[in-house]
C-alpha atoms as a PDB file:
ATOM      1  CA  MET A   1      -5.244 -24.287   3.743  1.00  0.00           C
ATOM      2  CA  ASP A   2      -3.689 -23.831   7.212  1.00  0.00           C
ATOM      3  CA  LEU A   3      -4.382 -20.193   8.077  1.00  0.00           C
ATOM      4  CA  GLN A   4      -2.892 -20.545  11.544  1.00  0.00           C
ATOM      5  CA  ASN A   5       0.544 -21.198  10.095  1.00  0.00           C
ATOM      6  CA  LEU A   6       0.309 -18.970   7.058  1.00  0.00           C
ATOM      7  CA  GLU A   7       3.787 -17.561   6.393  1.00  0.00           C
ATOM      8  CA  PRO A   8       4.740 -14.650   4.135  1.00  0.00           C
ATOM      9  CA  PRO A   9       5.581 -16.320   0.820  1.00  0.00           C
ATOM     10  CA  HIS A  10       8.842 -16.057  -1.037  1.00  0.00           C
ATOM     11  CA  HIS A  11       8.176 -13.839  -4.022  1.00  0.00           C
ATOM     12  CA  ASN A  12       7.953 -16.162  -6.983  1.00  0.00           C
ATOM     13  CA  ARG A  13      10.192 -13.910  -9.067  1.00  0.00           C
ATOM     14  CA  ALA A  14      13.188 -15.054  -7.004  1.00  0.00           C
ATOM     15  CA  LYS A  15      15.263 -17.233  -9.286  1.00  0.00           C
ATOM     16  CA  ASN A  16      17.265 -19.148  -6.701  1.00  0.00           C
ATOM     17  CA  GLN A  17      17.630 -19.726  -3.010  1.00  0.00           C
ATOM     18  CA  ASP A  18      20.512 -17.257  -2.722  1.00  0.00           C
ATOM     19  CA  GLU A  19      18.044 -14.413  -3.173  1.00  0.00           C
ATOM     20  CA  LEU A  20      16.460 -12.808  -0.127  1.00  0.00           C
ATOM     21  CA  SER A  21      12.873 -12.796   1.044  1.00  0.00           C
ATOM     22  CA  PHE A  22      11.823 -10.016   3.459  1.00  0.00           C
ATOM     23  CA  GLY A  23      15.452  -9.137   4.178  1.00  0.00           C
ATOM     24  CA  THR A  24      16.325 -12.585   5.543  1.00  0.00           C
ATOM     25  CA  PRO A  25      19.677 -13.928   4.315  1.00  0.00           C
ATOM     26  CA  VAL A  26      20.301 -17.440   3.080  1.00  0.00           C
ATOM     27  CA  THR A  27      23.326 -18.647   4.978  1.00  0.00           C
ATOM     28  CA  ASP A  28      24.890 -20.999   2.452  1.00  0.00           C
ATOM     29  CA  SER A  29      26.556 -18.230   0.378  1.00  0.00           C
ATOM     30  CA  SER A  30      30.052 -19.187   1.462  1.00  0.00           C
ATOM     31  CA  ASP A  31      31.681 -17.328  -1.419  1.00  0.00           C
ATOM     32  CA  VAL A  32      30.551 -13.944  -0.078  1.00  0.00           C
ATOM     33  CA  ASP A  33      32.373 -12.532   2.929  1.00  0.00           C
ATOM     34  CA  ASP A  34      30.441 -11.453   5.980  1.00  0.00           C
ATOM     35  CA  ALA A  35      30.933  -7.729   5.424  1.00  0.00           C
ATOM     36  CA  SER A  36      29.605  -7.663   1.869  1.00  0.00           C
ATOM     37  CA  GLN A  37      26.757  -9.980   2.828  1.00  0.00           C
ATOM     38  CA  GLY A  38      25.815  -7.623   5.636  1.00  0.00           C
ATOM     39  CA  GLU A  39      25.850  -4.659   3.268  1.00  0.00           C
ATOM     40  CA  LYS A  40      23.589  -6.524   0.874  1.00  0.00           C
ATOM     41  CA  ILE A  41      21.150  -7.341   3.666  1.00  0.00           C
ATOM     42  CA  ASP A  42      21.115  -3.705   4.801  1.00  0.00           C
ATOM     43  CA  ALA A  43      20.493  -2.492   1.256  1.00  0.00           C
ATOM     44  CA  GLU A  44      17.672  -4.991   0.742  1.00  0.00           C
ATOM     45  CA  ARG A  45      16.090  -4.073   4.061  1.00  0.00           C
ATOM     46  CA  SER A  46      16.334  -0.337   3.355  1.00  0.00           C
ATOM     47  CA  SER A  47      14.762  -0.791  -0.081  1.00  0.00           C
ATOM     48  CA  GLU A  48      11.954  -2.903   1.376  1.00  0.00           C
ATOM     49  CA  ILE A  49      11.199  -0.332   4.067  1.00  0.00           C
ATOM     50  CA  ALA A  50      11.190   2.480   1.505  1.00  0.00           C
ATOM     51  CA  SER A  51       8.830   0.535  -0.782  1.00  0.00           C
ATOM     52  CA  ILE A  52       6.361  -0.082   2.031  1.00  0.00           C
ATOM     53  CA  GLN A  53       6.532   3.579   3.075  1.00  0.00           C
ATOM     54  CA  VAL A  54       5.709   4.661  -0.480  1.00  0.00           C
ATOM     55  CA  CYS A  55       2.797   2.230  -0.586  1.00  0.00           C
ATOM     56  CA  LYS A  56       1.414   3.368   2.762  1.00  0.00           C
ATOM     57  CA  SER A  57       1.773   7.037   1.781  1.00  0.00           C
ATOM     58  CA  TYR A  58      -0.892   6.582  -0.881  1.00  0.00           C
ATOM     59  CA  PHE A  59      -2.819   3.526   0.360  1.00  0.00           C
ATOM     60  CA  ASP A  60      -2.842   3.840   4.110  1.00  0.00           C
ATOM     61  CA  GLY A  61      -4.961   0.745   4.737  1.00  0.00           C
ATOM     62  CA  ALA A  62      -2.985  -1.600   2.494  1.00  0.00           C
ATOM     63  CA  LEU A  63      -2.400  -5.113   3.855  1.00  0.00           C
ATOM     64  CA  LYS A  64      -0.181  -7.969   2.794  1.00  0.00           C
ATOM     65  CA  GLY A  65      -2.034 -10.645   0.838  1.00  0.00           C
ATOM     66  CA  SER A  66      -1.585 -13.131   3.669  1.00  0.00           C
ATOM     67  CA  GLU A  67      -2.979 -10.622   6.188  1.00  0.00           C
ATOM     68  CA  THR A  68      -5.989  -9.960   3.962  1.00  0.00           C
ATOM     69  CA  LEU A  69      -6.797 -13.652   3.654  1.00  0.00           C
ATOM     70  CA  ALA A  70      -6.423 -14.291   7.388  1.00  0.00           C
ATOM     71  CA  MET A  71      -8.793 -11.430   8.282  1.00  0.00           C
ATOM     72  CA  VAL A  72     -11.375 -12.364   5.653  1.00  0.00           C
ATOM     73  CA  ALA A  73     -11.315 -16.070   6.493  1.00  0.00           C
ATOM     74  CA  LYS A  74     -11.780 -15.387  10.202  1.00  0.00           C
ATOM     75  CA  CYS A  75     -14.888 -13.335   9.448  1.00  0.00           C
ATOM     76  CA  ILE A  76     -16.600 -15.416   6.787  1.00  0.00           C
ATOM     77  CA  GLU A  77     -16.090 -18.777   8.452  1.00  0.00           C
ATOM     78  CA  THR A  78     -18.319 -17.561  11.301  1.00  0.00           C
ATOM     79  CA  LYS A  79     -21.003 -16.896   8.680  1.00  0.00           C
ATOM     80  CA  GLY A  80     -20.948 -20.408   7.249  1.00  0.00           C
ATOM     81  CA  PHE A  81     -18.687 -19.935   4.213  1.00  0.00           C
ATOM     82  CA  THR A  82     -16.324 -22.854   3.534  1.00  0.00           C
ATOM     83  CA  ASP A  83     -14.335 -24.195   0.604  1.00  0.00           C
ATOM     84  CA  ASP A  84     -16.970 -26.935   0.213  1.00  0.00           C
ATOM     85  CA  ASN A  85     -19.994 -24.625  -0.173  1.00  0.00           C
ATOM     86  CA  THR A  86     -18.476 -21.488  -1.726  1.00  0.00           C
ATOM     87  CA  LEU A  87     -17.440 -20.738  -5.303  1.00  0.00           C
ATOM     88  CA  PHE A  88     -14.850 -18.015  -5.880  1.00  0.00           C
ATOM     89  CA  ALA A  89     -14.650 -15.538  -8.772  1.00  0.00           C
ATOM     90  CA  GLN A  90     -12.233 -12.702  -9.324  1.00  0.00           C
ATOM     91  CA  SER A  91     -12.274  -9.644 -11.550  1.00  0.00           C
ATOM     92  CA  VAL A  92      -8.605  -8.741 -11.786  1.00  0.00           C
ATOM     93  CA  CYS A  93      -6.403  -7.580 -14.673  1.00  0.00           C
ATOM     94  CA  PRO A  94      -4.864 -10.585 -16.470  1.00  0.00           C
ATOM     95  CA  ASP A  95      -1.350  -9.107 -16.140  1.00  0.00           C
ATOM     96  CA  GLU A  96       0.867 -11.948 -14.892  1.00  0.00           C
ATOM     97  CA  ILE A  97       2.145  -9.889 -11.954  1.00  0.00           C
ATOM     98  CA  ASN A  98      -1.346 -10.081 -10.432  1.00  0.00           C
ATOM     99  CA  HIS A  99      -1.304 -13.859 -10.252  1.00  0.00           C
ATOM    100  CA  GLU A 100       1.971 -14.737  -8.572  1.00  0.00           C
ATOM    101  CA  VAL A 101       2.478 -17.014  -5.600  1.00  0.00           C
ATOM    102  CA  GLY A 102       1.457 -15.082  -2.482  1.00  0.00           C
ATOM    103  CA  ASP A 103      -0.754 -12.566  -4.271  1.00  0.00           C
ATOM    104  CA  VAL A 104      -4.231 -12.115  -2.823  1.00  0.00           C
ATOM    105  CA  THR A 105      -5.675 -13.620  -6.017  1.00  0.00           C
ATOM    106  CA  ASN A 106      -3.596 -16.768  -5.634  1.00  0.00           C
ATOM    107  CA  LEU A 107      -4.192 -17.052  -1.878  1.00  0.00           C
ATOM    108  CA  PHE A 108      -7.977 -16.844  -2.161  1.00  0.00           C
ATOM    109  CA  THR A 109      -7.974 -19.390  -4.984  1.00  0.00           C
ATOM    110  CA  GLU A 110      -5.990 -21.804  -2.814  1.00  0.00           C
ATOM    111  CA  TYR A 111      -8.264 -21.126   0.161  1.00  0.00           C
ATOM    112  CA  LEU A 112     -11.545 -21.660  -1.690  1.00  0.00           C
ATOM    113  CA  GLY A 113     -10.321 -24.249  -4.195  1.00  0.00           C
ATOM    114  CA  GLU A 114     -11.291 -22.962  -7.650  1.00  0.00           C
ATOM    115  CA  VAL A 115     -11.625 -19.647  -9.476  1.00  0.00           C
ATOM    116  CA  PHE A 116     -13.892 -18.220 -12.177  1.00  0.00           C
ATOM    117  CA  HIS A 117     -12.302 -15.308 -14.042  1.00  0.00           C
ATOM    118  CA  MET A 118     -14.580 -12.309 -14.637  1.00  0.00           C
ATOM    119  CA  GLY A 119     -11.990  -9.629 -15.327  1.00  0.00           C
ATOM    120  CA  GLY A 120     -10.377  -8.147 -18.389  1.00  0.00           C
ATOM    121  CA  LEU A 121      -8.079  -5.182 -18.945  1.00  0.00           C
ATOM    122  CA  ALA A 122      -7.548  -3.108 -15.780  1.00  0.00           C
ATOM    123  CA  GLY A 123      -9.632  -5.584 -13.777  1.00  0.00           C
ATOM    124  CA  LEU A 124     -13.002  -4.427 -15.091  1.00  0.00           C
ATOM    125  CA  PRO A 125     -15.615  -7.235 -15.030  1.00  0.00           C
ATOM    126  CA  PHE A 126     -15.961  -7.582 -18.786  1.00  0.00           C
ATOM    127  CA  THR A 127     -17.682 -10.999 -18.621  1.00  0.00           C
ATOM    128  CA  GLY A 128     -20.731  -9.002 -17.572  1.00  0.00           C
ATOM    129  CA  LYS A 129     -24.123 -10.295 -16.477  1.00  0.00           C
ATOM    130  CA  THR A 130     -23.809 -13.424 -18.595  1.00  0.00           C
ATOM    131  CA  GLY A 131     -20.464 -14.306 -17.037  1.00  0.00           C
ATOM    132  CA  PHE A 132     -21.756 -13.820 -13.491  1.00  0.00           C
ATOM    133  CA  ALA A 133     -24.882 -15.848 -14.247  1.00  0.00           C
ATOM    134  CA  ALA A 134     -22.749 -18.709 -15.569  1.00  0.00           C
ATOM    135  CA  PHE A 135     -20.455 -18.581 -12.532  1.00  0.00           C
ATOM    136  CA  SER A 136     -23.190 -18.279  -9.910  1.00  0.00           C
ATOM    137  CA  HIS A 137     -25.171 -21.179 -11.307  1.00  0.00           C
ATOM    138  CA  HIS A 138     -22.189 -23.460 -10.714  1.00  0.00           C
ATOM    139  CA  VAL A 139     -22.630 -23.224  -6.937  1.00  0.00           C
ATOM    140  CA  PRO A 140     -23.466 -26.324  -4.893  1.00  0.00           C
ATOM    141  CA  ASP A 141     -27.055 -26.725  -3.684  1.00  0.00           C
ATOM    142  CA  ASP A 142     -27.674 -23.995  -1.095  1.00  0.00           C
ATOM    143  CA  GLY A 143     -24.093 -22.841  -1.741  1.00  0.00           C
ATOM    144  CA  HIS A 144     -22.597 -19.358  -1.795  1.00  0.00           C
ATOM    145  CA  CYS A 145     -20.589 -17.066  -4.076  1.00  0.00           C
ATOM    146  CA  PHE A 146     -17.547 -14.913  -3.298  1.00  0.00           C
ATOM    147  CA  VAL A 147     -16.372 -12.223  -5.754  1.00  0.00           C
ATOM    148  CA  LEU A 148     -13.056 -10.363  -5.483  1.00  0.00           C
ATOM    149  CA  MET A 149     -12.639  -7.268  -7.682  1.00  0.00           C
ATOM    150  CA  ALA A 150      -9.429  -5.255  -7.806  1.00  0.00           C
ATOM    151  CA  PRO A 151      -7.710  -3.022 -10.360  1.00  0.00           C
ATOM    152  CA  HIS A 152      -3.946  -2.895  -9.824  1.00  0.00           C
ATOM    153  CA  ILE A 153      -1.033  -0.488  -9.589  1.00  0.00           C
ATOM    154  CA  GLY A 154       2.670  -1.263  -9.641  1.00  0.00           C
ATOM    155  CA  ILE A 155       5.511   0.153  -7.577  1.00  0.00           C
ATOM    156  CA  SER A 156       8.901  -0.151  -9.250  1.00  0.00           C
ATOM    157  CA  ASP A 157      12.341  -0.723  -7.758  1.00  0.00           C
ATOM    158  CA  SER A 158      12.855   3.052  -7.951  1.00  0.00           C
ATOM    159  CA  HIS A 159       9.602   3.534  -5.970  1.00  0.00           C
ATOM    160  CA  ARG A 160       7.583   4.941  -8.867  1.00  0.00           C
ATOM    161  CA  LEU A 161       3.837   4.304  -8.745  1.00  0.00           C
ATOM    162  CA  GLY A 162       2.323   3.057 -11.987  1.00  0.00           C
ATOM    163  CA  ALA A 163       5.589   1.339 -12.925  1.00  0.00           C
ATOM    164  CA  TYR A 164       7.041  -2.120 -12.371  1.00  0.00           C
ATOM    165  CA  SER A 165      10.477  -3.726 -12.648  1.00  0.00           C
ATOM    166  CA  ARG A 166       9.904  -6.948 -14.571  1.00  0.00           C
ATOM    167  CA  ASP A 167      12.390  -9.802 -14.796  1.00  0.00           C
ATOM    168  CA  GLY A 168      14.721  -9.545 -17.773  1.00  0.00           C
ATOM    169  CA  CYS A 169      13.698  -5.975 -18.633  1.00  0.00           C
ATOM    170  CA  THR A 170      16.267  -3.212 -18.293  1.00  0.00           C
ATOM    171  CA  SER A 171      13.566  -0.538 -18.276  1.00  0.00           C
ATOM    172  CA  GLU A 172      10.587  -0.239 -15.969  1.00  0.00           C
ATOM    173  CA  SER A 173       7.236  -0.974 -17.576  1.00  0.00           C
ATOM    174  CA  THR A 174       3.804   0.473 -16.808  1.00  0.00           C
ATOM    175  CA  ALA A 175       1.333  -1.173 -14.452  1.00  0.00           C
ATOM    176  CA  CYS A 176      -1.521  -1.000 -15.135  1.00  0.00           C
ATOM    177  CA  GLY A 177      -0.400  -0.472 -18.717  1.00  0.00           C
ATOM    178  CA  ALA A 178      -3.870  -0.412 -20.266  1.00  0.00           C
ATOM    179  CA  ALA A 179      -5.144   2.138 -17.756  1.00  0.00           C
ATOM    180  CA  ILE A 180      -2.150   4.413 -18.256  1.00  0.00           C
ATOM    181  CA  ALA A 181      -2.520   4.143 -22.047  1.00  0.00           C
ATOM    182  CA  ALA A 182      -6.189   5.156 -21.749  1.00  0.00           C
ATOM    183  CA  LEU A 183      -5.254   8.112 -19.543  1.00  0.00           C
ATOM    184  CA  ASN A 184      -2.529   9.236 -21.956  1.00  0.00           C
ATOM    185  CA  HIS A 185      -4.952   8.949 -24.888  1.00  0.00           C
ATOM    186  CA  CYS A 186      -7.378  11.335 -23.181  1.00  0.00           C
ATOM    187  CA  CYS A 187      -4.690  13.731 -21.920  1.00  0.00           C
ATOM    188  CA  ALA A 188      -3.367  14.060 -25.472  1.00  0.00           C
ATOM    189  CA  GLY A 189      -6.786  15.134 -26.695  1.00  0.00           C
ATOM    190  CA  LYS A 190      -7.072  12.256 -29.150  1.00  0.00           C
ATOM    191  CA  ARG A 191     -10.392  11.243 -30.679  1.00  0.00           C
ATOM    192  CA  ILE A 192     -12.513   8.985 -28.463  1.00  0.00           C
ATOM    193  CA  PRO A 193     -12.960   5.749 -30.424  1.00  0.00           C
ATOM    194  CA  SER A 194     -16.360   4.276 -31.129  1.00  0.00           C
ATOM    195  CA  LEU A 195     -17.086   1.167 -29.071  1.00  0.00           C
ATOM    196  CA  SER A 196     -18.387  -0.568 -32.182  1.00  0.00           C
ATOM    197  CA  ALA A 197     -15.617   0.521 -34.544  1.00  0.00           C
ATOM    198  CA  ASP A 198     -13.075  -2.157 -33.615  1.00  0.00           C
ATOM    199  CA  PRO A 199     -14.526  -5.221 -31.876  1.00  0.00           C
ATOM    200  CA  SER A 200     -11.037  -6.722 -31.667  1.00  0.00           C
ATOM    201  CA  ASP A 201     -10.004  -4.015 -29.174  1.00  0.00           C
ATOM    202  CA  TYR A 202     -13.309  -3.392 -27.421  1.00  0.00           C
ATOM    203  CA  GLN A 203     -11.916  -3.526 -23.882  1.00  0.00           C
ATOM    204  CA  MET A 204      -9.298  -0.853 -24.559  1.00  0.00           C
ATOM    205  CA  ASN A 205     -11.842   1.393 -26.250  1.00  0.00           C
ATOM    206  CA  PHE A 206     -14.172   0.948 -23.294  1.00  0.00           C
ATOM    207  CA  LEU A 207     -11.372   1.952 -20.914  1.00  0.00           C
ATOM    208  CA  ILE A 208     -10.793   5.123 -22.937  1.00  0.00           C
ATOM    209  CA  HIS A 209     -14.510   5.932 -22.699  1.00  0.00           C
ATOM    210  CA  GLN A 210     -14.395   5.469 -18.922  1.00  0.00           C
ATOM    211  CA  MET A 211     -11.338   7.693 -18.671  1.00  0.00           C
ATOM    212  CA  CYS A 212     -12.642  10.530 -20.858  1.00  0.00           C
ATOM    213  CA  SER A 213     -14.846  11.808 -18.000  1.00  0.00           C
ATOM    214  CA  ARG A 214     -12.169  11.279 -15.346  1.00  0.00           C
ATOM    215  CA  TRP A 215      -8.817  12.188 -16.844  1.00  0.00           C
ATOM    216  CA  ALA A 216      -8.803  15.851 -15.732  1.00  0.00           C
ATOM    217  CA  ALA A 217      -9.213  14.912 -12.067  1.00  0.00           C
ATOM    218  CA  VAL A 218      -6.246  12.538 -12.424  1.00  0.00           C
ATOM    219  CA  ALA A 219      -3.996  14.783 -14.527  1.00  0.00           C
ATOM    220  CA  ASN A 220      -4.493  17.692 -12.119  1.00  0.00           C
ATOM    221  CA  LYS A 221      -2.478  16.010  -9.345  1.00  0.00           C
ATOM    222  CA  GLU A 222       0.837  17.683  -8.550  1.00  0.00           C
ATOM    223  CA  THR A 223       3.176  14.681  -8.821  1.00  0.00           C
ATOM    224  CA  GLU A 224       3.303  11.606 -11.003  1.00  0.00           C
ATOM    225  CA  ASN A 225       2.905   9.313  -7.996  1.00  0.00           C
ATOM    226  CA  HIS A 226      -0.237  11.206  -6.968  1.00  0.00           C
ATOM    227  CA  ARG A 227      -1.565  10.925 -10.518  1.00  0.00           C
ATOM    228  CA  GLN A 228      -0.994   7.179 -10.609  1.00  0.00           C
ATOM    229  CA  ALA A 229      -2.632   6.640  -7.212  1.00  0.00           C
ATOM    230  CA  ALA A 230      -5.613   8.712  -8.363  1.00  0.00           C
ATOM    231  CA  LEU A 231      -5.799   6.696 -11.588  1.00  0.00           C
ATOM    232  CA  ALA A 232      -6.011   3.441  -9.623  1.00  0.00           C
ATOM    233  CA  SER A 233      -8.777   4.904  -7.464  1.00  0.00           C
ATOM    234  CA  HIS A 234     -10.781   6.066 -10.473  1.00  0.00           C
ATOM    235  CA  LEU A 235     -10.343   2.660 -12.077  1.00  0.00           C
ATOM    236  CA  TRP A 236     -11.723   1.056  -8.936  1.00  0.00           C
ATOM    237  CA  ASP A 237     -14.725   3.399  -9.081  1.00  0.00           C
ATOM    238  CA  ALA A 238     -15.424   2.478 -12.715  1.00  0.00           C
ATOM    239  CA  ALA A 239     -15.066  -1.247 -12.024  1.00  0.00           C
ATOM    240  CA  LYS A 240     -17.218  -1.077  -8.888  1.00  0.00           C
ATOM    241  CA  GLY A 241     -19.972   0.653 -10.834  1.00  0.00           C
ATOM    242  CA  MET A 242     -19.918  -2.123 -13.421  1.00  0.00           C
ATOM    243  CA  LEU A 243     -19.845  -4.855 -10.801  1.00  0.00           C
ATOM    244  CA  ASP A 244     -22.832  -3.418  -8.937  1.00  0.00           C
ATOM    245  CA  GLU A 245     -24.882  -3.755 -12.134  1.00  0.00           C
ATOM    246  CA  ILE A 246     -23.789  -7.372 -12.614  1.00  0.00           C
ATOM    247  CA  VAL A 247     -24.019  -9.237  -9.308  1.00  0.00           C
ATOM    248  CA  ASN A 248     -27.213 -10.621  -7.760  1.00  0.00           C
ATOM    249  CA  THR A 249     -28.406 -13.427  -5.497  1.00  0.00           C
ATOM    250  CA  ASP A 250     -30.458 -15.274  -8.115  1.00  0.00           C
ATOM    251  CA  PHE A 251     -28.635 -18.550  -7.518  1.00  0.00           C
ATOM    252  CA  GLY A 252     -28.503 -21.543  -5.200  1.00  0.00           C
ATOM    253  CA  GLY A 253     -31.134 -22.093  -2.497  1.00  0.00           C
ATOM    254  CA  LYS A 254     -33.052 -20.066   0.059  1.00  0.00           C
ATOM    255  CA  THR A 255     -30.024 -19.615   2.308  1.00  0.00           C
ATOM    256  CA  SER A 256     -27.443 -18.870  -0.397  1.00  0.00           C
ATOM    257  CA  LYS A 257     -25.410 -15.668   0.080  1.00  0.00           C
ATOM    258  CA  LEU A 258     -23.004 -13.519  -1.914  1.00  0.00           C
ATOM    259  CA  LEU A 259     -19.773 -11.914  -0.663  1.00  0.00           C
ATOM    260  CA  VAL A 260     -18.216  -9.041  -2.629  1.00  0.00           C
ATOM    261  CA  LEU A 261     -14.736  -7.824  -1.662  1.00  0.00           C
ATOM    262  CA  THR A 262     -13.280  -4.924  -3.646  1.00  0.00           C
ATOM    263  CA  GLY A 263     -10.044  -2.987  -3.444  1.00  0.00           C
ATOM    264  CA  ILE A 264      -6.794  -2.191  -5.209  1.00  0.00           C
ATOM    265  CA  GLN A 265      -4.003  -4.704  -5.714  1.00  0.00           C
ATOM    266  CA  ILE A 266      -0.533  -3.193  -5.290  1.00  0.00           C
ATOM    267  CA  ASN A 267       2.319  -4.965  -7.075  1.00  0.00           C
ATOM    268  CA  MET A 268       5.338  -4.430  -4.839  1.00  0.00           C
ATOM    269  CA  PRO A 269       8.999  -4.649  -5.856  1.00  0.00           C
ATOM    270  CA  ARG A 270      11.033  -7.629  -4.738  1.00  0.00           C
ATOM    271  CA  PRO A 271      11.498  -8.800  -1.981  1.00  0.00           C
ATOM    272  CA  CYS A 272       8.219  -7.364  -0.647  1.00  0.00           C
ATOM    273  CA  GLU A 273       4.998  -9.317  -0.516  1.00  0.00           C
ATOM    274  CA  ASP A 274       2.346  -7.754  -2.737  1.00  0.00           C
ATOM    275  CA  MET A 275      -0.230  -5.603  -0.940  1.00  0.00           C
ATOM    276  CA  PHE A 276      -3.998  -5.194  -1.120  1.00  0.00           C
ATOM    277  CA  GLN A 277      -5.958  -2.068  -0.195  1.00  0.00           C
ATOM    278  CA  PRO A 278      -9.452  -3.246   0.786  1.00  0.00           C
ATOM    279  CA  LEU A 279     -12.139  -0.674  -0.007  1.00  0.00           C
ATOM    280  CA  THR A 280     -15.502  -2.435   0.403  1.00  0.00           C
ATOM    281  CA  PHE A 281     -16.652  -5.794   1.750  1.00  0.00           C
ATOM    282  CA  ASP A 282     -20.375  -6.585   1.568  1.00  0.00           C
ATOM    283  CA  LEU A 283     -22.582  -9.562   2.341  1.00  0.00           C
ATOM    284  CA  HIS A 284     -25.638  -9.855   0.055  1.00  0.00           C
ATOM    285  CA  LEU A 285     -28.661 -11.771   1.358  1.00  0.00           C
ATOM    286  CA  LYS A 286     -31.526 -13.342  -0.554  1.00  0.00           C
ATOM    287  CA  ASP A 287     -34.048 -10.713   0.554  1.00  0.00           C
ATOM    288  CA  GLY A 288     -31.963  -7.955  -1.048  1.00  0.00           C
ATOM    289  CA  THR A 289     -30.336  -6.822   2.185  1.00  0.00           C
ATOM    290  CA  VAL A 290     -26.684  -5.785   1.834  1.00  0.00           C
ATOM    291  CA  VAL A 291     -24.659  -5.958   5.046  1.00  0.00           C
ATOM    292  CA  ASP A 292     -21.425  -3.955   5.276  1.00  0.00           C
ATOM    293  CA  ILE A 293     -18.886  -6.237   6.987  1.00  0.00           C
ATOM    294  CA  TYR A 294     -15.789  -4.147   6.256  1.00  0.00           C
ATOM    295  CA  GLU A 295     -15.196  -2.885   9.786  1.00  0.00           C
ATOM    296  CA  GLU A 296     -16.005  -6.278  11.296  1.00  0.00           C
ATOM    297  CA  THR A 297     -13.406  -7.872   9.039  1.00  0.00           C
ATOM    298  CA  PHE A 298     -10.578  -5.336   8.922  1.00  0.00           C
ATOM    299  CA  GLY A 299     -10.982  -3.617  12.299  1.00  0.00           C
ATOM    300  CA  ARG A 300     -11.161  -0.095  10.908  1.00  0.00           C
ATOM    301  CA  GLU A 301     -13.705   2.181   9.278  1.00  0.00           C
ATOM    302  CA  LYS A 302     -14.269   1.840   5.561  1.00  0.00           C
ATOM    303  CA  PRO A 303     -12.413   4.542   3.578  1.00  0.00           C
ATOM    304  CA  ALA A 304     -14.557   7.434   2.387  1.00  0.00           C
ATOM    305  CA  PRO A 305     -14.912   7.786  -1.414  1.00  0.00           C
ATOM    306  CA  PHE A 306     -12.607  10.309  -3.039  1.00  0.00           C
ATOM    307  CA  ALA A 307     -14.056  13.547  -4.424  1.00  0.00           C
ATOM    308  CA  GLN A 308     -14.674  12.915  -8.112  1.00  0.00           C
ATOM    309  CA  ASP A 309     -16.279  16.271  -8.919  1.00  0.00           C
ATOM    310  CA  SER A 310     -13.531  18.544  -7.608  1.00  0.00           C
ATOM    311  CA  PRO A 311     -10.411  18.035  -9.717  1.00  0.00           C
ATOM    312  CA  GLU A 312      -8.896  21.207  -8.289  1.00  0.00           C
ATOM    313  CA  ASP A 313      -8.929  19.648  -4.810  1.00  0.00           C
ATOM    314  CA  ASP A 314      -6.396  17.112  -3.626  1.00  0.00           C
ATOM    315  CA  PRO A 315      -8.374  14.701  -1.413  1.00  0.00           C
ATOM    316  CA  GLU A 316      -6.651  11.982   0.532  1.00  0.00           C
ATOM    317  CA  LEU A 317      -6.664   8.704  -1.313  1.00  0.00           C
ATOM    318  CA  TRP A 318      -8.227   6.054   0.894  1.00  0.00           C
ATOM    319  CA  ALA A 319      -6.564   7.283   4.091  1.00  0.00           C
END
C-alpha cells in the first residue's frame, strides 16, 4: 500500500461519479448550469465544514482514517512491523458503516493484508480469550500481532450524534444502535436480563449489564449530543477493560511483539471521510513491559480518562 500517495477516498456510498467527494465538483455535468452547480458546491462544502466542526466539538483529537494510518505506519515501521510479519485483528461493531472503503478498519486491513474479527455488538471483543489465542497463534515465526479496538458513533446529515443517514432510508437511524438500545433499556428502569436466560441474545444482554452501572452518568448530560458522545466514551471504557483481560504476548518467538490501538470510530455524513479518535496506543513486549507510543505516533498527549464517578460533573470528552 503506497502511503506516500494515499489520497482521501471517495465515500463508497456515492452512487455515481456526478456526486461530490470533499466538495470537489465533477465537471461533466453539462445539464446543470454554472450558477446552480456553484450553489450545490457551496451547500456541500458548508455541510461538510459543519459536520467536521460537530465532530471536533466532542472528539477534539479525531483524525481522518487516512491520517490515522499514515501516522501509525510511520511509527510502527521503525519498530520492525511489516505486512509480512504482522497479523491484524480488529474489535469493531459489525455494522456495515464501519467497514466502508476509506474507513480506518478497511485501510488497516489493506495495509497489513488480512484481518481477524474479534468484535461483536458495539465493538466489544466478544471472541474473548479463546478468539485472541486462535488469532495470535496464526502469526508467522517470530511474527507480531496488531489489534485495533473501536466502538463507533454516527453523525447524521442533520449533525446529530448517535444517528446516521443511511442510503434509501427516509429517517435517520441510530448508530451505535445496540448501545443506544442498552442505554434506553436502563433509563426506562426495565429489568436487567440474566446473561444465561437467552443465549441467542447474549451480546445484547451483556451490553445492558455494562450499561446498568453507567447509564446515569450518560443520561445526566445536558444535550442529546453530549449524551451520545458520553455513551461512546463509556462504551470504549467497557471494551478496553475487556480487551485488557484478553490480550497477551504468549505467541510467536522471543522477539514477537503486540500492538494495541484503541479509540472511537466516527461515522461521518457524506461527503466527509470517516474519522477516528485515537485514545490509546501501546506496544507490549515479551517481558511484560508495556510501552506507551501514543505521543510518539500522534504528536500530542494522550487524552485523560473521563470522570466516571461524578455524573453531576460535565468533564471534557477526550479534549
